[in-house]
């Protein structure tokens, strides 16, 4: 007998939930027996034995036949297999890395460009040399009209741990002097030198103030971006839950000591509208560049 964990199987589970009925099954496993024989074995009255036999018969565990005036019961099944629901997804462990937006390890920036922290600009705006200022680590926003920002995150997985999914989330926009809600830009994401895909940022938003943007920032300055979430698995890459590209974890070199993450407006991009990365203390999401690694 094959059973699933459904309401249709309840009669069998109920039939087995009795020490008397379990004893009847044990007796019938040795030979077919009449009600009289079972009464004597169980030391129970005839009506009680008949009640238990009916429950077992209704559940399909036993059957019966007439032999003269006697009702003889017999066991119909030898095995009862219960199939539990198959678990489709494993439980993975996770570790999380947050990278400050100013913690880039390589860059190429063309004006308009700059970086700023909670109290003001870091260095002079539109001067790429300040992108290597030691105070850049305090930046909560970085912007450039053309070029890239590259970050490195430590790979802390051990040799016996297998990466199952990589999730990257960041608040992004394009870059226009001051702000322009209709200013598309092709922003390409790459990890470990592999292009993951290109997202078209619709604009450099300044219609309302960013939820976390500091008070010192002028109203006509870009205020917030859009939170983009990239999920890479062994099957595909998703952007905000939708198919993004065929790149899989196997396409990336995930055994290096670091993950190299790049956000770039390429020289041959159709929409060269720049790049703005919002970090903690700016924009609408109080987070830095975040990477979650799920592993087994």
C-alpha atoms as a PDB file:
ATOM      1  CA  UNK A   1       0.000   0.000   0.000  1.00  0.00           C
ATOM      2  CA  UNK A   2       1.402   3.384  -1.052  1.00  0.00           C
ATOM      3  CA  UNK A   3       0.302   6.442   0.932  1.00  0.00           C
ATOM      4  CA  UNK A   4       0.781  10.187   0.515  1.00  0.00           C
ATOM      5  CA  UNK A   5       0.423  12.698   3.326  1.00  0.00           C
ATOM      6  CA  UNK A   6      -3.081  13.768   2.284  1.00  0.00           C
ATOM      7  CA  UNK A   7      -6.602  13.633   3.705  1.00  0.00           C
ATOM      8  CA  UNK A   8      -7.272  10.593   1.537  1.00  0.00           C
ATOM      9  CA  UNK A   9      -4.863   8.615   3.710  1.00  0.00           C
ATOM     10  CA  UNK A  10      -6.443   9.579   7.039  1.00  0.00           C
ATOM     11  CA  UNK A  11      -8.574   6.428   7.281  1.00  0.00           C
ATOM     12  CA  UNK A  12      -5.402   4.300   7.208  1.00  0.00           C
ATOM     13  CA  UNK A  13      -3.624   6.434   9.793  1.00  0.00           C
ATOM     14  CA  UNK A  14      -6.697   6.293  12.049  1.00  0.00           C
ATOM     15  CA  UNK A  15      -7.008   2.534  11.593  1.00  0.00           C
ATOM     16  CA  UNK A  16      -3.426   2.062  12.754  1.00  0.00           C
ATOM     17  CA  UNK A  17      -3.875   4.357  15.764  1.00  0.00           C
ATOM     18  CA  UNK A  18      -5.054   1.580  18.075  1.00  0.00           C
ATOM     19  CA  UNK A  19      -3.130  -1.048  19.998  1.00  0.00           C
ATOM     20  CA  UNK A  20      -6.029  -3.490  19.530  1.00  0.00           C
ATOM     21  CA  UNK A  21      -6.028  -3.080  15.773  1.00  0.00           C
ATOM     22  CA  UNK A  22      -2.239  -3.399  15.655  1.00  0.00           C
ATOM     23  CA  UNK A  23      -2.636  -6.693  17.555  1.00  0.00           C
ATOM     24  CA  UNK A  24      -5.280  -7.854  15.043  1.00  0.00           C
ATOM     25  CA  UNK A  25      -2.875  -7.111  12.187  1.00  0.00           C
ATOM     26  CA  UNK A  26      -0.156  -9.084  13.963  1.00  0.00           C
ATOM     27  CA  UNK A  27      -2.486 -12.076  14.417  1.00  0.00           C
ATOM     28  CA  UNK A  28      -3.709 -11.989  10.808  1.00  0.00           C
ATOM     29  CA  UNK A  29      -0.114 -11.855   9.571  1.00  0.00           C
ATOM     30  CA  UNK A  30       0.277 -15.451  10.804  1.00  0.00           C
ATOM     31  CA  UNK A  31      -2.991 -16.867   9.402  1.00  0.00           C
ATOM     32  CA  UNK A  32      -6.542 -15.979   8.393  1.00  0.00           C
ATOM     33  CA  UNK A  33      -8.845 -15.919  11.433  1.00  0.00           C
ATOM     34  CA  UNK A  34     -12.555 -15.881  12.197  1.00  0.00           C
ATOM     35  CA  UNK A  35     -14.229 -13.426  14.560  1.00  0.00           C
ATOM     36  CA  UNK A  36     -14.538 -16.230  17.137  1.00  0.00           C
ATOM     37  CA  UNK A  37     -10.822 -16.972  16.971  1.00  0.00           C
ATOM     38  CA  UNK A  38      -9.937 -13.290  17.319  1.00  0.00           C
ATOM     39  CA  UNK A  39     -12.301 -12.929  20.287  1.00  0.00           C
ATOM     40  CA  UNK A  40     -10.446 -15.703  22.073  1.00  0.00           C
ATOM     41  CA  UNK A  41      -7.006 -14.324  21.178  1.00  0.00           C
ATOM     42  CA  UNK A  42      -7.819 -10.764  22.231  1.00  0.00           C
ATOM     43  CA  UNK A  43     -10.140 -11.622  25.104  1.00  0.00           C
ATOM     44  CA  UNK A  44     -12.720  -9.160  23.774  1.00  0.00           C
ATOM     45  CA  UNK A  45     -16.442  -9.368  22.999  1.00  0.00           C
ATOM     46  CA  UNK A  46     -17.697 -10.116  19.497  1.00  0.00           C
ATOM     47  CA  UNK A  47     -19.166  -6.602  18.842  1.00  0.00           C
ATOM     48  CA  UNK A  48     -15.900  -4.925  19.891  1.00  0.00           C
ATOM     49  CA  UNK A  49     -13.873  -7.189  17.586  1.00  0.00           C
ATOM     50  CA  UNK A  50     -16.293  -6.527  14.706  1.00  0.00           C
ATOM     51  CA  UNK A  51     -15.971  -2.760  15.260  1.00  0.00           C
ATOM     52  CA  UNK A  52     -12.175  -2.943  15.000  1.00  0.00           C
ATOM     53  CA  UNK A  53     -12.323  -5.236  11.974  1.00  0.00           C
ATOM     54  CA  UNK A  54     -14.625  -2.789  10.184  1.00  0.00           C
ATOM     55  CA  UNK A  55     -12.168   0.100  10.664  1.00  0.00           C
ATOM     56  CA  UNK A  56      -9.320  -2.009   9.278  1.00  0.00           C
ATOM     57  CA  UNK A  57     -11.442  -3.204   6.352  1.00  0.00           C
ATOM     58  CA  UNK A  58     -12.652   0.335   5.517  1.00  0.00           C
ATOM     59  CA  UNK A  59      -9.012   1.412   5.399  1.00  0.00           C
ATOM     60  CA  UNK A  60      -8.192  -1.380   2.943  1.00  0.00           C
ATOM     61  CA  UNK A  61      -5.732  -3.062   5.286  1.00  0.00           C
ATOM     62  CA  UNK A  62      -7.711  -6.303   5.688  1.00  0.00           C
ATOM     63  CA  UNK A  63     -10.412  -8.148   3.761  1.00  0.00           C
ATOM     64  CA  UNK A  64     -13.013 -10.754   4.720  1.00  0.00           C
ATOM     65  CA  UNK A  65     -14.889 -13.730   3.277  1.00  0.00           C
ATOM     66  CA  UNK A  66     -17.668 -16.015   4.406  1.00  0.00           C
ATOM     67  CA  UNK A  67     -16.893 -19.625   5.303  1.00  0.00           C
ATOM     68  CA  UNK A  68     -20.221 -21.189   6.235  1.00  0.00           C
ATOM     69  CA  UNK A  69     -21.590 -19.145   9.123  1.00  0.00           C
ATOM     70  CA  UNK A  70     -18.194 -17.653   9.936  1.00  0.00           C
ATOM     71  CA  UNK A  71     -16.688 -14.384   8.774  1.00  0.00           C
ATOM     72  CA  UNK A  72     -12.988 -14.942   8.175  1.00  0.00           C
ATOM     73  CA  UNK A  73     -10.619 -11.977   8.020  1.00  0.00           C
ATOM     74  CA  UNK A  74      -7.323 -11.869   6.161  1.00  0.00           C
ATOM     75  CA  UNK A  75      -4.522  -9.391   5.671  1.00  0.00           C
ATOM     76  CA  UNK A  76      -4.594  -7.614   2.294  1.00  0.00           C
ATOM     77  CA  UNK A  77      -1.276  -5.762   2.471  1.00  0.00           C
ATOM     78  CA  UNK A  78       2.249  -6.698   3.444  1.00  0.00           C
ATOM     79  CA  UNK A  79       3.753  -3.208   3.391  1.00  0.00           C
ATOM     80  CA  UNK A  80       2.495   0.305   3.981  1.00  0.00           C
ATOM     81  CA  UNK A  81       4.806   2.882   2.448  1.00  0.00           C
ATOM     82  CA  UNK A  82       4.276   6.507   3.447  1.00  0.00           C
ATOM     83  CA  UNK A  83       5.673   9.088   1.023  1.00  0.00           C
ATOM     84  CA  UNK A  84       6.478  12.378   2.701  1.00  0.00           C
ATOM     85  CA  UNK A  85       6.490  15.566   0.591  1.00  0.00           C
ATOM     86  CA  UNK A  86       9.827  15.863  -1.184  1.00  0.00           C
ATOM     87  CA  UNK A  87      11.814  18.872  -0.094  1.00  0.00           C
ATOM     88  CA  UNK A  88      12.628  20.938  -3.178  1.00  0.00           C
ATOM     89  CA  UNK A  89      15.048  23.461  -1.703  1.00  0.00           C
ATOM     90  CA  UNK A  90      17.959  22.907   0.607  1.00  0.00           C
ATOM     91  CA  UNK A  91      18.623  25.123   3.564  1.00  0.00           C
ATOM     92  CA  UNK A  92      21.802  27.062   2.907  1.00  0.00           C
ATOM     93  CA  UNK A  93      24.145  28.854   5.233  1.00  0.00           C
ATOM     94  CA  UNK A  94      24.913  32.483   4.451  1.00  0.00           C
ATOM     95  CA  UNK A  95      27.473  35.139   5.090  1.00  0.00           C
ATOM     96  CA  UNK A  96      26.997  38.777   4.229  1.00  0.00           C
ATOM     97  CA  UNK A  97      29.502  41.385   3.095  1.00  0.00           C
ATOM     98  CA  UNK A  98      28.863  45.155   2.998  1.00  0.00           C
ATOM     99  CA  UNK A  99      31.222  47.290   0.957  1.00  0.00           C
ATOM    100  CA  UNK A 100      31.211  51.070   1.541  1.00  0.00           C
ATOM    101  CA  UNK A 101      30.704  52.806  -1.790  1.00  0.00           C
ATOM    102  CA  UNK A 102      34.027  54.606  -1.316  1.00  0.00           C
ATOM    103  CA  UNK A 103      35.967  51.368  -0.826  1.00  0.00           C
ATOM    104  CA  UNK A 104      36.630  50.849  -4.543  1.00  0.00           C
ATOM    105  CA  UNK A 105      40.032  49.428  -5.464  1.00  0.00           C
ATOM    106  CA  UNK A 106      40.125  50.668  -9.064  1.00  0.00           C
ATOM    107  CA  UNK A 107      38.282  53.346 -11.015  1.00  0.00           C
ATOM    108  CA  UNK A 108      38.074  55.392 -14.166  1.00  0.00           C
ATOM    109  CA  UNK A 109      36.081  58.600 -13.856  1.00  0.00           C
ATOM    110  CA  UNK A 110      35.251  61.423 -16.247  1.00  0.00           C
ATOM    111  CA  UNK A 111      33.415  64.615 -15.205  1.00  0.00           C
ATOM    112  CA  UNK A 112      30.862  65.268 -14.068  1.00  0.00           C
ATOM    113  CA  UNK A 113      32.175  63.181 -11.200  1.00  0.00           C
ATOM    114  CA  UNK A 114      32.797  63.271  -7.483  1.00  0.00           C
ATOM    115  CA  UNK A 115      32.099  61.780  -4.088  1.00  0.00           C
ATOM    116  CA  UNK A 116      30.522  63.016  -0.899  1.00  0.00           C
ATOM    117  CA  UNK A 117      29.979  61.997   2.699  1.00  0.00           C
ATOM    118  CA  UNK A 118      27.514  62.829   5.419  1.00  0.00           C
ATOM    119  CA  UNK A 119      28.868  66.358   5.970  1.00  0.00           C
ATOM    120  CA  UNK A 120      29.904  67.473   2.485  1.00  0.00           C
ATOM    121  CA  UNK A 121      31.933  66.816  -0.644  1.00  0.00           C
ATOM    122  CA  UNK A 122      35.178  64.869  -0.423  1.00  0.00           C
ATOM    123  CA  UNK A 123      37.775  66.907  -2.306  1.00  0.00           C
ATOM    124  CA  UNK A 124      36.769  68.949  -5.327  1.00  0.00           C
ATOM    125  CA  UNK A 125      33.991  67.790  -7.603  1.00  0.00           C
ATOM    126  CA  UNK A 126      34.756  67.076 -11.278  1.00  0.00           C
ATOM    127  CA  UNK A 127      38.369  66.329 -10.329  1.00  0.00           C
ATOM    128  CA  UNK A 128      39.103  62.582 -10.790  1.00  0.00           C
ATOM    129  CA  UNK A 129      42.346  62.828  -8.752  1.00  0.00           C
ATOM    130  CA  UNK A 130      40.246  63.094  -5.578  1.00  0.00           C
ATOM    131  CA  UNK A 131      38.867  59.620  -6.219  1.00  0.00           C
ATOM    132  CA  UNK A 132      42.063  58.403  -4.528  1.00  0.00           C
ATOM    133  CA  UNK A 133      41.725  60.737  -1.540  1.00  0.00           C
ATOM    134  CA  UNK A 134      42.198  58.839   1.727  1.00  0.00           C
ATOM    135  CA  UNK A 135      38.813  60.140   2.901  1.00  0.00           C
ATOM    136  CA  UNK A 136      37.017  58.306   0.090  1.00  0.00           C
ATOM    137  CA  UNK A 137      36.245  55.470   2.533  1.00  0.00           C
ATOM    138  CA  UNK A 138      33.761  57.850   4.197  1.00  0.00           C
ATOM    139  CA  UNK A 139      31.813  58.446   0.986  1.00  0.00           C
ATOM    140  CA  UNK A 140      28.095  57.707   0.948  1.00  0.00           C
ATOM    141  CA  UNK A 141      27.678  58.578  -2.724  1.00  0.00           C
ATOM    142  CA  UNK A 142      29.990  58.360  -5.762  1.00  0.00           C
ATOM    143  CA  UNK A 143      29.189  59.538  -9.283  1.00  0.00           C
ATOM    144  CA  UNK A 144      30.845  59.728 -12.707  1.00  0.00           C
ATOM    145  CA  UNK A 145      29.752  60.600 -16.247  1.00  0.00           C
ATOM    146  CA  UNK A 146      31.771  57.807 -17.837  1.00  0.00           C
ATOM    147  CA  UNK A 147      34.026  55.014 -16.616  1.00  0.00           C
ATOM    148  CA  UNK A 148      33.794  52.401 -13.885  1.00  0.00           C
ATOM    149  CA  UNK A 149      34.096  51.664 -10.182  1.00  0.00           C
ATOM    150  CA  UNK A 150      35.606  48.335  -9.118  1.00  0.00           C
ATOM    151  CA  UNK A 151      35.386  46.722  -5.677  1.00  0.00           C
ATOM    152  CA  UNK A 152      36.902  43.640  -4.081  1.00  0.00           C
ATOM    153  CA  UNK A 153      35.134  41.486  -1.498  1.00  0.00           C
ATOM    154  CA  UNK A 154      36.829  38.697   0.465  1.00  0.00           C
ATOM    155  CA  UNK A 155      36.009  35.107  -0.395  1.00  0.00           C
ATOM    156  CA  UNK A 156      35.681  33.485   3.039  1.00  0.00           C
ATOM    157  CA  UNK A 157      34.339  30.110   1.939  1.00  0.00           C
ATOM    158  CA  UNK A 158      36.375  27.092   3.041  1.00  0.00           C
ATOM    159  CA  UNK A 159      37.470  24.299   0.734  1.00  0.00           C
ATOM    160  CA  UNK A 160      34.651  21.992   1.876  1.00  0.00           C
ATOM    161  CA  UNK A 161      31.932  24.634   1.423  1.00  0.00           C
ATOM    162  CA  UNK A 162      30.111  24.922  -1.919  1.00  0.00           C
ATOM    163  CA  UNK A 163      28.739  28.222  -3.188  1.00  0.00           C
ATOM    164  CA  UNK A 164      25.076  27.763  -4.122  1.00  0.00           C
ATOM    165  CA  UNK A 165      23.913  31.329  -4.825  1.00  0.00           C
ATOM    166  CA  UNK A 166      25.404  34.822  -4.965  1.00  0.00           C
ATOM    167  CA  UNK A 167      23.165  37.846  -4.366  1.00  0.00           C
ATOM    168  CA  UNK A 168      24.370  41.395  -5.018  1.00  0.00           C
ATOM    169  CA  UNK A 169      22.264  44.454  -4.193  1.00  0.00           C
ATOM    170  CA  UNK A 170      23.044  48.135  -4.696  1.00  0.00           C
ATOM    171  CA  UNK A 171      21.193  51.445  -5.159  1.00  0.00           C
ATOM    172  CA  UNK A 172      22.024  52.900  -8.571  1.00  0.00           C
ATOM    173  CA  UNK A 173      21.182  55.745 -10.913  1.00  0.00           C
ATOM    174  CA  UNK A 174      22.655  57.484 -13.929  1.00  0.00           C
ATOM    175  CA  UNK A 175      24.621  60.767 -13.695  1.00  0.00           C
ATOM    176  CA  UNK A 176      23.599  64.191 -15.000  1.00  0.00           C
ATOM    177  CA  UNK A 177      24.931  67.557 -13.772  1.00  0.00           C
ATOM    178  CA  UNK A 178      22.534  68.244 -10.890  1.00  0.00           C
ATOM    179  CA  UNK A 179      19.617  65.886 -11.796  1.00  0.00           C
ATOM    180  CA  UNK A 180      17.535  64.647 -14.704  1.00  0.00           C
ATOM    181  CA  UNK A 181      14.844  61.995 -14.264  1.00  0.00           C
ATOM    182  CA  UNK A 182      14.930  61.153 -17.979  1.00  0.00           C
ATOM    183  CA  UNK A 183      18.596  60.384 -18.585  1.00  0.00           C
ATOM    184  CA  UNK A 184      19.115  56.707 -19.489  1.00  0.00           C
ATOM    185  CA  UNK A 185      22.436  54.988 -18.965  1.00  0.00           C
ATOM    186  CA  UNK A 186      23.648  51.480 -19.781  1.00  0.00           C
ATOM    187  CA  UNK A 187      25.265  50.193 -16.580  1.00  0.00           C
ATOM    188  CA  UNK A 188      27.106  46.875 -16.948  1.00  0.00           C
ATOM    189  CA  UNK A 189      27.678  44.588 -13.967  1.00  0.00           C
ATOM    190  CA  UNK A 190      30.635  42.220 -13.918  1.00  0.00           C
ATOM    191  CA  UNK A 191      32.074  39.790 -11.362  1.00  0.00           C
ATOM    192  CA  UNK A 192      35.581  38.340 -11.628  1.00  0.00           C
ATOM    193  CA  UNK A 193      35.970  39.757 -15.119  1.00  0.00           C
ATOM    194  CA  UNK A 194      32.757  38.193 -16.456  1.00  0.00           C
ATOM    195  CA  UNK A 195      30.032  40.548 -17.682  1.00  0.00           C
ATOM    196  CA  UNK A 196      26.817  39.571 -15.901  1.00  0.00           C
ATOM    197  CA  UNK A 197      24.521  41.852 -17.872  1.00  0.00           C
ATOM    198  CA  UNK A 198      23.617  45.460 -18.618  1.00  0.00           C
ATOM    199  CA  UNK A 199      20.781  47.387 -16.971  1.00  0.00           C
ATOM    200  CA  UNK A 200      19.447  50.650 -18.398  1.00  0.00           C
ATOM    201  CA  UNK A 201      19.177  53.148 -15.549  1.00  0.00           C
ATOM    202  CA  UNK A 202      16.247  55.424 -16.472  1.00  0.00           C
ATOM    203  CA  UNK A 203      17.555  58.611 -14.880  1.00  0.00           C
ATOM    204  CA  UNK A 204      19.386  60.629 -12.266  1.00  0.00           C
ATOM    205  CA  UNK A 205      16.507  61.211  -9.901  1.00  0.00           C
ATOM    206  CA  UNK A 206      15.899  64.575  -8.260  1.00  0.00           C
ATOM    207  CA  UNK A 207      12.112  64.975  -8.251  1.00  0.00           C
ATOM    208  CA  UNK A 208      11.848  64.420  -4.476  1.00  0.00           C
ATOM    209  CA  UNK A 209      14.405  64.279  -1.709  1.00  0.00           C
ATOM    210  CA  UNK A 210      15.984  60.946  -0.933  1.00  0.00           C
ATOM    211  CA  UNK A 211      14.769  59.355   2.262  1.00  0.00           C
ATOM    212  CA  UNK A 212      18.293  59.271   3.762  1.00  0.00           C
ATOM    213  CA  UNK A 213      19.998  62.016   1.746  1.00  0.00           C
ATOM    214  CA  UNK A 214      21.691  64.472   4.179  1.00  0.00           C
ATOM    215  CA  UNK A 215      20.211  67.930   4.703  1.00  0.00           C
ATOM    216  CA  UNK A 216      23.301  69.660   3.322  1.00  0.00           C
ATOM    217  CA  UNK A 217      22.639  68.248  -0.161  1.00  0.00           C
ATOM    218  CA  UNK A 218      20.889  70.818  -2.374  1.00  0.00           C
ATOM    219  CA  UNK A 219      17.403  70.037  -3.648  1.00  0.00           C
ATOM    220  CA  UNK A 220      18.541  70.209  -7.284  1.00  0.00           C
ATOM    221  CA  UNK A 221      21.232  67.558  -6.705  1.00  0.00           C
ATOM    222  CA  UNK A 222      20.505  63.880  -7.460  1.00  0.00           C
ATOM    223  CA  UNK A 223      18.595  62.484  -4.499  1.00  0.00           C
ATOM    224  CA  UNK A 224      18.094  58.745  -4.852  1.00  0.00           C
ATOM    225  CA  UNK A 225      18.484  55.707  -7.108  1.00  0.00           C
ATOM    226  CA  UNK A 226      16.789  52.364  -7.667  1.00  0.00           C
ATOM    227  CA  UNK A 227      17.688  49.298  -5.620  1.00  0.00           C
ATOM    228  CA  UNK A 228      18.849  46.572  -7.988  1.00  0.00           C
ATOM    229  CA  UNK A 229      19.264  42.970  -6.851  1.00  0.00           C
ATOM    230  CA  UNK A 230      21.247  40.462  -8.901  1.00  0.00           C
ATOM    231  CA  UNK A 231      20.900  36.769  -8.062  1.00  0.00           C
ATOM    232  CA  UNK A 232      23.319  34.301  -9.649  1.00  0.00           C
ATOM    233  CA  UNK A 233      22.694  30.549  -9.376  1.00  0.00           C
ATOM    234  CA  UNK A 234      23.863  27.416 -11.154  1.00  0.00           C
ATOM    235  CA  UNK A 235      20.980  27.889 -13.590  1.00  0.00           C
ATOM    236  CA  UNK A 236      20.925  31.575 -14.555  1.00  0.00           C
ATOM    237  CA  UNK A 237      21.190  35.199 -13.440  1.00  0.00           C
ATOM    238  CA  UNK A 238      18.118  37.146 -12.316  1.00  0.00           C
ATOM    239  CA  UNK A 239      17.713  40.902 -11.900  1.00  0.00           C
ATOM    240  CA  UNK A 240      14.987  41.867  -9.439  1.00  0.00           C
ATOM    241  CA  UNK A 241      13.519  38.379  -9.791  1.00  0.00           C
ATOM    242  CA  UNK A 242      13.380  38.451 -13.605  1.00  0.00           C
ATOM    243  CA  UNK A 243      15.650  36.659 -16.069  1.00  0.00           C
ATOM    244  CA  UNK A 244      18.713  38.817 -16.768  1.00  0.00           C
ATOM    245  CA  UNK A 245      21.364  36.670 -18.456  1.00  0.00           C
ATOM    246  CA  UNK A 246      22.517  33.047 -18.944  1.00  0.00           C
ATOM    247  CA  UNK A 247      25.589  33.572 -16.718  1.00  0.00           C
ATOM    248  CA  UNK A 248      25.825  30.951 -13.949  1.00  0.00           C
ATOM    249  CA  UNK A 249      28.045  30.426 -10.926  1.00  0.00           C
ATOM    250  CA  UNK A 250      30.070  27.940 -12.958  1.00  0.00           C
ATOM    251  CA  UNK A 251      30.997  30.751 -15.335  1.00  0.00           C
ATOM    252  CA  UNK A 252      32.649  32.685 -12.506  1.00  0.00           C
ATOM    253  CA  UNK A 253      35.933  31.837 -10.827  1.00  0.00           C
ATOM    254  CA  UNK A 254      34.605  31.502  -7.290  1.00  0.00           C
ATOM    255  CA  UNK A 255      37.797  30.011  -5.841  1.00  0.00           C
ATOM    256  CA  UNK A 256      39.916  33.168  -5.791  1.00  0.00           C
ATOM    257  CA  UNK A 257      40.664  34.929  -2.523  1.00  0.00           C
ATOM    258  CA  UNK A 258      38.447  37.838  -3.562  1.00  0.00           C
ATOM    259  CA  UNK A 259      35.421  38.642  -5.684  1.00  0.00           C
ATOM    260  CA  UNK A 260      36.048  41.545  -8.062  1.00  0.00           C
ATOM    261  CA  UNK A 261      32.833  43.503  -8.645  1.00  0.00           C
ATOM    262  CA  UNK A 262      32.616  46.211 -11.310  1.00  0.00           C
ATOM    263  CA  UNK A 263      29.942  48.749 -12.245  1.00  0.00           C
ATOM    264  CA  UNK A 264      30.715  50.325 -15.610  1.00  0.00           C
ATOM    265  CA  UNK A 265      29.424  52.548 -18.378  1.00  0.00           C
ATOM    266  CA  UNK A 266      31.315  51.132 -21.337  1.00  0.00           C
ATOM    267  CA  UNK A 267      32.810  53.283 -24.088  1.00  0.00           C
ATOM    268  CA  UNK A 268      30.588  51.600 -26.675  1.00  0.00           C
ATOM    269  CA  UNK A 269      27.389  51.792 -24.591  1.00  0.00           C
ATOM    270  CA  UNK A 270      24.346  53.031 -26.497  1.00  0.00           C
ATOM    271  CA  UNK A 271      23.226  55.164 -23.538  1.00  0.00           C
ATOM    272  CA  UNK A 272      26.273  56.801 -21.965  1.00  0.00           C
ATOM    273  CA  UNK A 273      24.424  58.500 -19.155  1.00  0.00           C
ATOM    274  CA  UNK A 274      26.900  57.946 -16.358  1.00  0.00           C
ATOM    275  CA  UNK A 275      26.727  56.144 -13.040  1.00  0.00           C
ATOM    276  CA  UNK A 276      25.809  57.043  -9.454  1.00  0.00           C
ATOM    277  CA  UNK A 277      26.150  54.608  -6.554  1.00  0.00           C
ATOM    278  CA  UNK A 278      24.260  55.437  -3.357  1.00  0.00           C
ATOM    279  CA  UNK A 279      25.504  54.015  -0.066  1.00  0.00           C
ATOM    280  CA  UNK A 280      24.575  54.205   3.586  1.00  0.00           C
ATOM    281  CA  UNK A 281      23.281  57.644   4.556  1.00  0.00           C
ATOM    282  CA  UNK A 282      22.176  58.575   1.016  1.00  0.00           C
ATOM    283  CA  UNK A 283      19.266  57.797  -1.269  1.00  0.00           C
ATOM    284  CA  UNK A 284      16.228  55.721  -0.371  1.00  0.00           C
ATOM    285  CA  UNK A 285      17.969  52.607   0.996  1.00  0.00           C
ATOM    286  CA  UNK A 286      20.262  52.924   3.987  1.00  0.00           C
ATOM    287  CA  UNK A 287      22.725  50.287   2.817  1.00  0.00           C
ATOM    288  CA  UNK A 288      26.095  50.002   1.154  1.00  0.00           C
ATOM    289  CA  UNK A 289      26.927  47.595  -1.664  1.00  0.00           C
ATOM    290  CA  UNK A 290      25.762  44.297  -0.237  1.00  0.00           C
ATOM    291  CA  UNK A 291      26.763  40.784  -1.249  1.00  0.00           C
ATOM    292  CA  UNK A 292      25.219  37.651   0.254  1.00  0.00           C
ATOM    293  CA  UNK A 293      26.871  34.294  -0.352  1.00  0.00           C
ATOM    294  CA  UNK A 294      24.680  31.218   0.214  1.00  0.00           C
ATOM    295  CA  UNK A 295      26.592  27.957   0.585  1.00  0.00           C
ATOM    296  CA  UNK A 296      26.247  24.320   1.580  1.00  0.00           C
END
